[in-house]
Amino acid sequence: MEVLTLPSMPAAGSAIQGPAKWRDKATEIARTAFSLACQPAGALVSLWRHVLSTRVFAVQKMALQKRFLKVVVLLLAVALAGVYCRTSLPLWTMRAKGLIEELTCESAAEPKVQRDLHALLAEQNQKMQLLLEEVAQLRAEISSAKKRSQEGQEVNQAASESSRALEVYVAMSDWALKSSGATIDMQRTSETYNCKENWGCRVLWFFRPANPPDTILQPGLSPGDCWPLQGPQGQVVIRLPARVRLAAVTMQHIYKDVSPSGTVTSAPRDVAVFGLDADGEEETLLGTFTYNVAKEAIQTFPLKDAPLPRAFSYIKLLVKSNWGNPAYTCIYRVRVHGEMANEKASAATRDEKEGQT
């Protein structure tokens, strides 16, 4: 700081000077005083400028540090991003490729799924149409069955009456029973099965020969206790013990479960029944029937117009086919049902025929 020096007072001898000189001195003193008065203010201004410049420099330094810090943070973020991209970017790239492939596969499989759905819907519609057609057919069948049921009441009534009549005839004596006098007409009966071509069968029949035809006239239903006729077709003629007005015929076989061979292919199937008297008399067809091996072992078949108004002494059973055995047909038991004719009426009928001849 500057040191102010006051001017020395003038000497007494020079006190009396001119006014101009005093005016100059006063001016100089005023200037000195003014300068002295302004020096603190200048010092304050300079101090304020120094403080302000220091503060501005500090602010600029802090701003520079912030910028530097931002640059460092930015560089650090860029470095971290580079490291992340280098390590994780391939993994994400693979995942993205996998997702793209999955989307591609799904987009490629979507038409196939749609086609499958369309095919399934078409199939379901077709099934629905078939079900509707079956329902309509069932309705038509039910309505026709109702009509047939209404129309067949009279037929059922007649059938029940025939069944009751048949039960009466079946309950009567068996006219094809050997113990009652029935016999086999061997001349008009087919041959018994002869197994010449089968050595095993020949050896077996050497110890136990085949049963004769009159086996069918005797009670018994043991497996193998039958008469085997040659081939799938044949006939047997039974001489009845009396003249009988025939009503029904019963045929008997064994069940498949007790058959020695495990089958019943040798059982008769389609059979025709004829009535006759003498050797040269014309045969009269009395009826045809089918023996069903899936039903009961003993099956009774009514004849036409039973009981017949005409009596017969002989009955003929013509086996047209069996259930598949080409070598032989087994008949276990035959029963003939009916009522014995009046002897006087039979004699009158014979005399009438003799008179006509």
Protein backbone atom coordinates (compact mmCIF):
# COMPACT_ATOMS: atom_id res chain seq x y z
CA MET A 1 0.00 0.00 0.00
CA GLU A 2 1.29 3.46 -0.79
CA VAL A 3 2.47 5.77 2.07
CA LEU A 4 0.96 9.19 1.92
CA THR A 5 3.21 12.07 2.80
CA LEU A 6 1.68 15.36 3.81
CA PRO A 7 3.23 18.47 2.36
CA SER A 8 5.18 20.59 4.74
CA MET A 9 3.55 23.72 5.96
CA PRO A 10 4.93 26.94 4.46
CA ALA A 11 7.10 29.08 6.50
CA ALA A 12 5.78 32.11 8.20
CA GLY A 13 7.75 34.23 5.87
CA SER A 14 6.08 32.97 2.97
CA ALA A 15 2.56 32.99 4.47
CA ILE A 16 1.68 35.99 2.67
CA GLN A 17 1.68 34.92 -0.86
CA GLY A 18 -0.48 35.56 -3.68
CA PRO A 19 -4.00 34.24 -4.05
CA ALA A 20 -3.05 32.14 -7.06
CA LYS A 21 -0.50 30.27 -5.14
CA TRP A 22 -2.97 29.48 -2.39
CA ARG A 23 -5.48 28.40 -4.87
CA ASP A 24 -3.01 25.97 -6.33
CA LYS A 25 -2.15 24.67 -2.96
CA ALA A 26 -5.78 24.21 -2.09
CA THR A 27 -6.36 22.40 -5.32
CA GLU A 28 -3.40 20.19 -4.66
CA ILE A 29 -4.56 19.49 -1.17
CA ALA A 30 -8.05 18.71 -2.40
CA ARG A 31 -6.64 16.37 -4.93
CA THR A 32 -4.49 14.69 -2.33
CA ALA A 33 -7.44 14.32 0.01
CA PHE A 34 -9.58 12.97 -2.79
CA SER A 35 -6.92 10.52 -3.72
CA LEU A 36 -6.57 9.52 -0.11
CA ALA A 37 -10.35 9.10 0.14
CA CYS A 38 -10.50 7.01 -3.04
CA GLN A 39 -7.65 4.70 -2.20
CA PRO A 40 -9.70 2.40 0.17
CA ALA A 41 -12.47 2.13 -2.37
CA GLY A 42 -9.96 1.13 -5.04
CA ALA A 43 -8.48 -1.37 -2.70
CA LEU A 44 -11.93 -2.80 -2.05
CA VAL A 45 -12.66 -2.92 -5.77
CA SER A 46 -9.41 -4.66 -6.49
CA LEU A 47 -10.05 -7.10 -3.64
CA TRP A 48 -13.55 -7.79 -5.00
CA ARG A 49 -12.13 -8.33 -8.44
CA HIS A 50 -9.57 -10.75 -7.03
CA VAL A 51 -12.18 -12.71 -5.09
CA LEU A 52 -14.51 -12.72 -8.05
CA SER A 53 -11.79 -13.90 -10.40
CA THR A 54 -10.82 -16.62 -7.89
CA ARG A 55 -14.45 -17.72 -7.63
CA VAL A 56 -14.86 -17.75 -11.40
CA PHE A 57 -11.71 -19.78 -11.77
CA ALA A 58 -12.97 -22.25 -9.18
CA VAL A 59 -16.31 -22.52 -10.98
CA GLN A 60 -14.55 -23.01 -14.28
CA LYS A 61 -12.32 -25.63 -12.70
CA MET A 62 -15.32 -27.47 -11.29
CA ALA A 63 -17.07 -27.33 -14.67
CA LEU A 64 -13.92 -28.68 -16.26
CA GLN A 65 -13.78 -31.45 -13.69
CA LYS A 66 -17.45 -32.28 -14.35
CA ARG A 67 -16.79 -32.42 -18.05
CA PHE A 68 -13.79 -34.63 -17.44
CA LEU A 69 -15.87 -36.84 -15.15
CA LYS A 70 -18.60 -37.06 -17.81
CA VAL A 71 -16.03 -37.97 -20.42
CA VAL A 72 -14.60 -40.65 -18.11
CA VAL A 73 -18.09 -42.03 -17.37
CA LEU A 74 -18.92 -41.98 -21.07
CA LEU A 75 -15.67 -43.78 -21.92
CA LEU A 76 -16.31 -46.31 -19.13
CA ALA A 77 -19.86 -46.92 -20.45
CA VAL A 78 -18.50 -47.34 -23.97
CA ALA A 79 -15.89 -49.80 -22.69
CA LEU A 80 -18.52 -51.77 -20.75
CA ALA A 81 -20.82 -51.77 -23.76
CA GLY A 82 -18.00 -53.09 -25.92
CA VAL A 83 -17.21 -55.85 -23.43
CA TYR A 84 -20.93 -56.74 -23.17
CA CYS A 85 -21.38 -56.78 -26.90
CA ARG A 86 -18.31 -58.93 -27.34
CA THR A 87 -19.39 -61.49 -24.75
CA SER A 88 -23.22 -61.46 -24.89
CA LEU A 89 -23.87 -60.40 -28.46
CA PRO A 90 -23.04 -63.85 -29.97
CA LEU A 91 -25.34 -65.50 -27.42
CA TRP A 92 -28.16 -63.12 -28.24
CA THR A 93 -27.43 -63.57 -31.91
CA MET A 94 -27.77 -67.34 -31.52
CA ARG A 95 -30.97 -66.87 -29.56
CA ALA A 96 -32.30 -64.55 -32.20
CA LYS A 97 -31.41 -67.08 -34.90
CA GLY A 98 -33.14 -69.81 -32.90
CA LEU A 99 -36.25 -67.69 -32.50
CA ILE A 100 -36.23 -66.91 -36.21
CA GLU A 101 -35.90 -70.61 -37.02
CA GLU A 102 -38.72 -71.49 -34.61
CA LEU A 103 -40.93 -68.82 -36.11
CA THR A 104 -40.05 -70.09 -39.57
CA CYS A 105 -40.89 -73.68 -38.59
CA GLU A 106 -44.13 -72.60 -36.96
CA SER A 107 -45.07 -70.54 -39.99
CA ALA A 108 -44.22 -73.51 -42.23
CA ALA A 109 -46.16 -75.94 -40.01
CA GLU A 110 -49.18 -73.68 -39.71
CA PRO A 111 -50.57 -74.56 -43.19
CA LYS A 112 -50.15 -78.27 -42.39
CA VAL A 113 -52.01 -77.83 -39.11
CA GLN A 114 -54.74 -75.97 -40.93
CA ARG A 115 -54.97 -78.73 -43.50
CA ASP A 116 -55.15 -81.34 -40.74
CA LEU A 117 -57.88 -79.35 -39.02
CA HIS A 118 -59.82 -79.02 -42.26
CA ALA A 119 -59.45 -82.77 -42.89
CA LEU A 120 -60.56 -83.55 -39.33
CA LEU A 121 -63.56 -81.26 -39.66
CA ALA A 122 -64.46 -82.86 -42.98
CA GLU A 123 -64.17 -86.32 -41.44
CA GLN A 124 -66.32 -85.32 -38.47
CA ASN A 125 -68.90 -83.83 -40.80
CA GLN A 126 -68.92 -87.03 -42.82
CA LYS A 127 -69.36 -89.09 -39.66
CA MET A 128 -72.15 -86.78 -38.56
CA GLN A 129 -73.87 -87.24 -41.90
CA LEU A 130 -73.53 -91.01 -41.59
CA LEU A 131 -74.95 -90.89 -38.07
CA LEU A 132 -77.85 -88.80 -39.25
CA GLU A 133 -78.49 -91.25 -42.06
CA GLU A 134 -78.33 -94.17 -39.62
CA VAL A 135 -80.73 -92.38 -37.28
CA ALA A 136 -83.13 -91.78 -40.15
CA GLN A 137 -82.80 -95.40 -41.20
CA LEU A 138 -83.42 -96.56 -37.64
CA ARG A 139 -86.50 -94.38 -37.44
CA ALA A 140 -87.78 -95.86 -40.68
CA GLU A 141 -87.04 -99.38 -39.43
CA ILE A 142 -88.77 -98.67 -36.13
CA SER A 143 -91.84 -97.35 -37.91
CA SER A 144 -91.89 -100.33 -40.27
CA ALA A 145 -91.36 -102.67 -37.31
CA LYS A 146 -94.32 -101.10 -35.57
CA LYS A 147 -96.39 -101.61 -38.67
CA ARG A 148 -95.23 -105.20 -38.99
CA SER A 149 -95.96 -105.73 -35.30
CA GLN A 150 -99.45 -104.43 -35.73
CA GLU A 151 -99.95 -106.47 -38.88
CA GLY A 152 -98.40 -109.58 -37.34
CA GLN A 153 -100.60 -109.82 -34.28
CA GLU A 154 -102.86 -112.26 -36.04
CA VAL A 155 -99.86 -114.23 -37.28
CA ASN A 156 -98.47 -114.41 -33.74
CA GLN A 157 -101.81 -115.61 -32.47
CA ALA A 158 -101.92 -118.32 -35.13
CA ALA A 159 -98.32 -119.24 -34.35
CA SER A 160 -99.11 -119.54 -30.66
CA GLU A 161 -102.00 -121.82 -31.47
CA SER A 162 -99.75 -123.92 -33.71
CA SER A 163 -97.15 -124.00 -30.95
CA ARG A 164 -99.69 -125.24 -28.46
CA ALA A 165 -100.82 -127.90 -30.93
CA LEU A 166 -97.20 -128.83 -31.56
CA GLU A 167 -96.56 -129.19 -27.82
CA VAL A 168 -99.46 -131.61 -27.69
CA TYR A 169 -98.00 -133.70 -30.52
CA VAL A 170 -94.49 -133.57 -29.09
CA ALA A 171 -95.80 -134.75 -25.76
CA MET A 172 -97.17 -137.84 -27.50
CA SER A 173 -95.19 -141.00 -28.05
CA ASP A 174 -92.14 -141.07 -30.33
CA TRP A 175 -93.07 -143.14 -33.40
CA ALA A 176 -89.41 -143.49 -34.44
CA LEU A 177 -88.35 -145.45 -31.36
CA LYS A 178 -86.73 -148.85 -31.85
CA SER A 179 -88.21 -150.21 -28.65
CA SER A 180 -91.68 -149.32 -29.99
CA GLY A 181 -91.14 -151.27 -33.21
CA ALA A 182 -89.62 -148.70 -35.56
CA THR A 183 -86.95 -150.03 -37.96
CA ILE A 184 -84.63 -148.79 -40.70
CA ASP A 185 -85.34 -149.59 -44.35
CA MET A 186 -81.77 -150.52 -45.28
CA GLN A 187 -82.50 -150.75 -49.02
CA ARG A 188 -83.51 -147.09 -49.23
CA THR A 189 -81.01 -145.78 -46.66
CA SER A 190 -77.57 -144.38 -47.49
CA GLU A 191 -74.39 -146.26 -46.74
CA THR A 192 -72.54 -145.91 -43.47
CA TYR A 193 -69.29 -143.94 -43.62
CA ASN A 194 -66.28 -146.13 -44.41
CA CYS A 195 -62.88 -144.55 -43.77
CA LYS A 196 -60.76 -146.75 -46.04
CA GLU A 197 -58.42 -143.92 -47.05
CA ASN A 198 -57.58 -142.92 -43.47
CA TRP A 199 -55.34 -145.52 -41.77
CA GLY A 200 -55.78 -143.99 -38.35
CA CYS A 201 -59.55 -144.16 -38.69
CA ARG A 202 -59.36 -147.75 -39.96
CA VAL A 203 -57.29 -148.77 -36.94
CA LEU A 204 -59.71 -147.01 -34.61
CA TRP A 205 -62.75 -148.61 -36.26
CA PHE A 206 -61.02 -152.00 -36.10
CA PHE A 207 -61.49 -151.87 -32.33
CA ARG A 208 -64.79 -149.97 -32.50
CA PRO A 209 -66.76 -150.22 -35.75
CA ALA A 210 -69.13 -147.50 -36.93
CA ASN A 211 -72.61 -147.42 -35.44
CA PRO A 212 -75.44 -148.81 -37.61
CA PRO A 213 -78.30 -146.62 -38.89
CA ASP A 214 -80.76 -147.79 -36.21
CA THR A 215 -78.62 -145.87 -33.69
CA ILE A 216 -80.81 -142.86 -34.47
CA LEU A 217 -83.85 -144.78 -33.18
CA GLN A 218 -82.44 -145.29 -29.69
CA PRO A 219 -82.13 -142.90 -26.75
CA GLY A 220 -78.66 -141.70 -25.89
CA LEU A 221 -76.62 -138.59 -26.46
CA SER A 222 -73.04 -139.57 -25.64
CA PRO A 223 -70.36 -137.92 -27.85
CA GLY A 224 -69.69 -140.20 -30.81
CA ASP A 225 -72.84 -142.27 -30.26
CA CYS A 226 -74.30 -141.40 -33.68
CA TRP A 227 -74.81 -142.87 -37.13
CA PRO A 228 -72.31 -141.45 -39.70
CA LEU A 229 -73.68 -141.53 -43.24
CA GLN A 230 -71.30 -141.31 -46.18
CA GLY A 231 -70.59 -137.76 -47.42
CA PRO A 232 -72.37 -134.47 -46.77
CA GLN A 233 -75.62 -135.69 -48.37
CA GLY A 234 -77.71 -138.80 -47.82
CA GLN A 235 -81.01 -140.17 -46.65
CA VAL A 236 -82.58 -142.50 -44.13
CA VAL A 237 -85.99 -144.22 -44.41
CA ILE A 238 -87.71 -145.20 -41.17
CA ARG A 239 -90.49 -147.78 -41.07
CA LEU A 240 -92.98 -146.67 -38.41
CA PRO A 241 -94.65 -149.21 -36.12
CA ALA A 242 -98.09 -148.01 -37.32
CA ARG A 243 -99.69 -145.69 -39.80
CA VAL A 244 -99.26 -142.22 -38.36
CA ARG A 245 -100.69 -138.84 -39.25
CA LEU A 246 -97.42 -136.96 -38.98
CA ALA A 247 -97.20 -133.58 -37.24
CA ALA A 248 -93.54 -132.81 -36.44
CA VAL A 249 -90.00 -134.15 -36.57
CA THR A 250 -87.33 -133.73 -33.90
CA MET A 251 -83.63 -133.90 -34.69
CA GLN A 252 -80.92 -134.15 -32.08
CA HIS A 253 -77.16 -133.51 -32.10
CA ILE A 254 -74.48 -132.71 -29.49
CA TYR A 255 -73.15 -129.33 -28.45
CA LYS A 256 -69.83 -128.06 -29.74
CA ASP A 257 -68.39 -127.97 -26.21
CA VAL A 258 -68.71 -131.76 -25.75
CA SER A 259 -67.74 -132.75 -29.30
CA PRO A 260 -64.60 -134.99 -29.45
CA SER A 261 -63.30 -133.01 -32.45
CA GLY A 262 -64.20 -129.63 -30.96
CA THR A 263 -66.51 -128.87 -33.89
CA VAL A 264 -70.02 -129.78 -35.09
CA THR A 265 -69.38 -129.50 -38.82
CA SER A 266 -70.77 -133.02 -39.31
CA ALA A 267 -74.22 -132.03 -38.04
CA PRO A 268 -77.07 -132.02 -40.60
CA ARG A 269 -78.08 -128.62 -41.92
CA ASP A 270 -80.77 -128.58 -44.63
CA VAL A 271 -83.22 -131.51 -44.35
CA ALA A 272 -86.34 -132.45 -46.31
CA VAL A 273 -89.06 -134.77 -44.91
CA PHE A 274 -91.12 -137.12 -47.13
CA GLY A 275 -93.98 -139.46 -46.33
CA LEU A 276 -94.46 -142.79 -48.18
CA ASP A 277 -96.19 -146.18 -47.82
CA ALA A 278 -94.84 -148.88 -50.12
CA ASP A 279 -91.74 -149.23 -52.24
CA GLY A 280 -93.26 -148.06 -55.48
CA GLU A 281 -95.51 -145.33 -54.08
CA GLU A 282 -94.74 -141.73 -54.93
CA GLU A 283 -93.14 -139.75 -52.15
CA THR A 284 -95.05 -136.86 -50.58
CA LEU A 285 -93.05 -133.80 -49.46
CA LEU A 286 -94.11 -132.93 -45.94
CA GLY A 287 -91.72 -130.06 -45.25
CA THR A 288 -88.17 -128.78 -45.13
CA PHE A 289 -86.19 -127.35 -42.24
CA THR A 290 -82.69 -126.24 -41.24
CA TYR A 291 -80.98 -127.59 -38.15
CA ASN A 292 -79.09 -124.68 -36.54
CA VAL A 293 -76.02 -125.76 -34.55
CA ALA A 294 -75.97 -122.39 -32.76
CA LYS A 295 -79.27 -123.19 -31.02
CA GLU A 296 -80.39 -125.99 -28.72
CA ALA A 297 -79.18 -129.55 -29.30
CA ILE A 298 -82.76 -130.83 -29.56
CA GLN A 299 -84.81 -128.97 -32.19
CA THR A 300 -88.40 -129.76 -33.25
CA PHE A 301 -89.78 -128.77 -36.65
CA PRO A 302 -93.52 -128.80 -37.46
CA LEU A 303 -94.64 -130.21 -40.81
CA LYS A 304 -97.00 -128.64 -43.32
CA ASP A 305 -100.70 -128.71 -42.44
CA ALA A 306 -99.94 -130.62 -39.24
CA PRO A 307 -101.48 -132.93 -38.29
CA LEU A 308 -101.75 -134.30 -41.80
CA PRO A 309 -105.10 -135.74 -42.90
CA ARG A 310 -103.26 -138.63 -44.49
CA ALA A 311 -101.35 -141.31 -42.59
CA PHE A 312 -98.00 -142.84 -43.63
CA SER A 313 -96.17 -146.02 -42.73
CA TYR A 314 -92.71 -144.74 -43.72
CA ILE A 315 -90.94 -141.42 -43.27
CA LYS A 316 -87.89 -140.38 -45.21
CA LEU A 317 -85.33 -137.79 -44.08
CA LEU A 318 -83.21 -136.42 -46.95
CA VAL A 319 -80.07 -134.63 -45.75
CA LYS A 320 -79.24 -132.04 -48.41
CA SER A 321 -76.16 -130.55 -46.68
CA ASN A 322 -74.23 -130.43 -43.44
CA TRP A 323 -72.18 -127.75 -41.66
CA GLY A 324 -68.93 -128.23 -43.59
CA ASN A 325 -67.68 -131.82 -43.15
CA PRO A 326 -67.07 -133.27 -46.65
CA ALA A 327 -66.48 -136.86 -45.46
CA TYR A 328 -69.54 -137.77 -43.39
CA THR A 329 -72.67 -136.51 -41.65
CA CYS A 330 -73.58 -137.60 -38.12
CA ILE A 331 -77.19 -138.09 -37.00
CA TYR A 332 -77.60 -138.72 -33.28
CA ARG A 333 -81.36 -139.05 -32.83
CA VAL A 334 -84.54 -138.67 -34.88
CA ARG A 335 -88.02 -138.50 -33.37
CA VAL A 336 -91.30 -138.59 -35.26
CA HIS A 337 -94.43 -137.07 -33.71
CA GLY A 338 -98.07 -137.41 -34.67
CA GLU A 339 -101.14 -139.46 -33.98
CA MET A 340 -101.95 -142.97 -35.06
CA ALA A 341 -104.55 -143.18 -37.81
CA ASN A 342 -107.89 -144.99 -37.36
CA GLU A 343 -107.52 -148.55 -38.65
CA LYS A 344 -110.98 -148.57 -40.21
CA ALA A 345 -110.35 -145.31 -42.02
CA SER A 346 -106.97 -146.57 -43.16
CA ALA A 347 -108.51 -149.81 -44.48
CA ALA A 348 -111.22 -147.85 -46.33
CA THR A 349 -108.56 -145.64 -47.86
CA ARG A 350 -106.58 -148.67 -49.04
CA ASP A 351 -109.69 -150.33 -50.48
CA GLU A 352 -110.58 -147.11 -52.30
CA LYS A 353 -107.12 -146.96 -53.84
CA GLU A 354 -107.30 -150.61 -54.87
CA GLY A 355 -110.72 -149.99 -56.50
CA GLN A 356 -109.29 -147.04 -58.44
CA THR A 357 -106.44 -149.18 -59.73
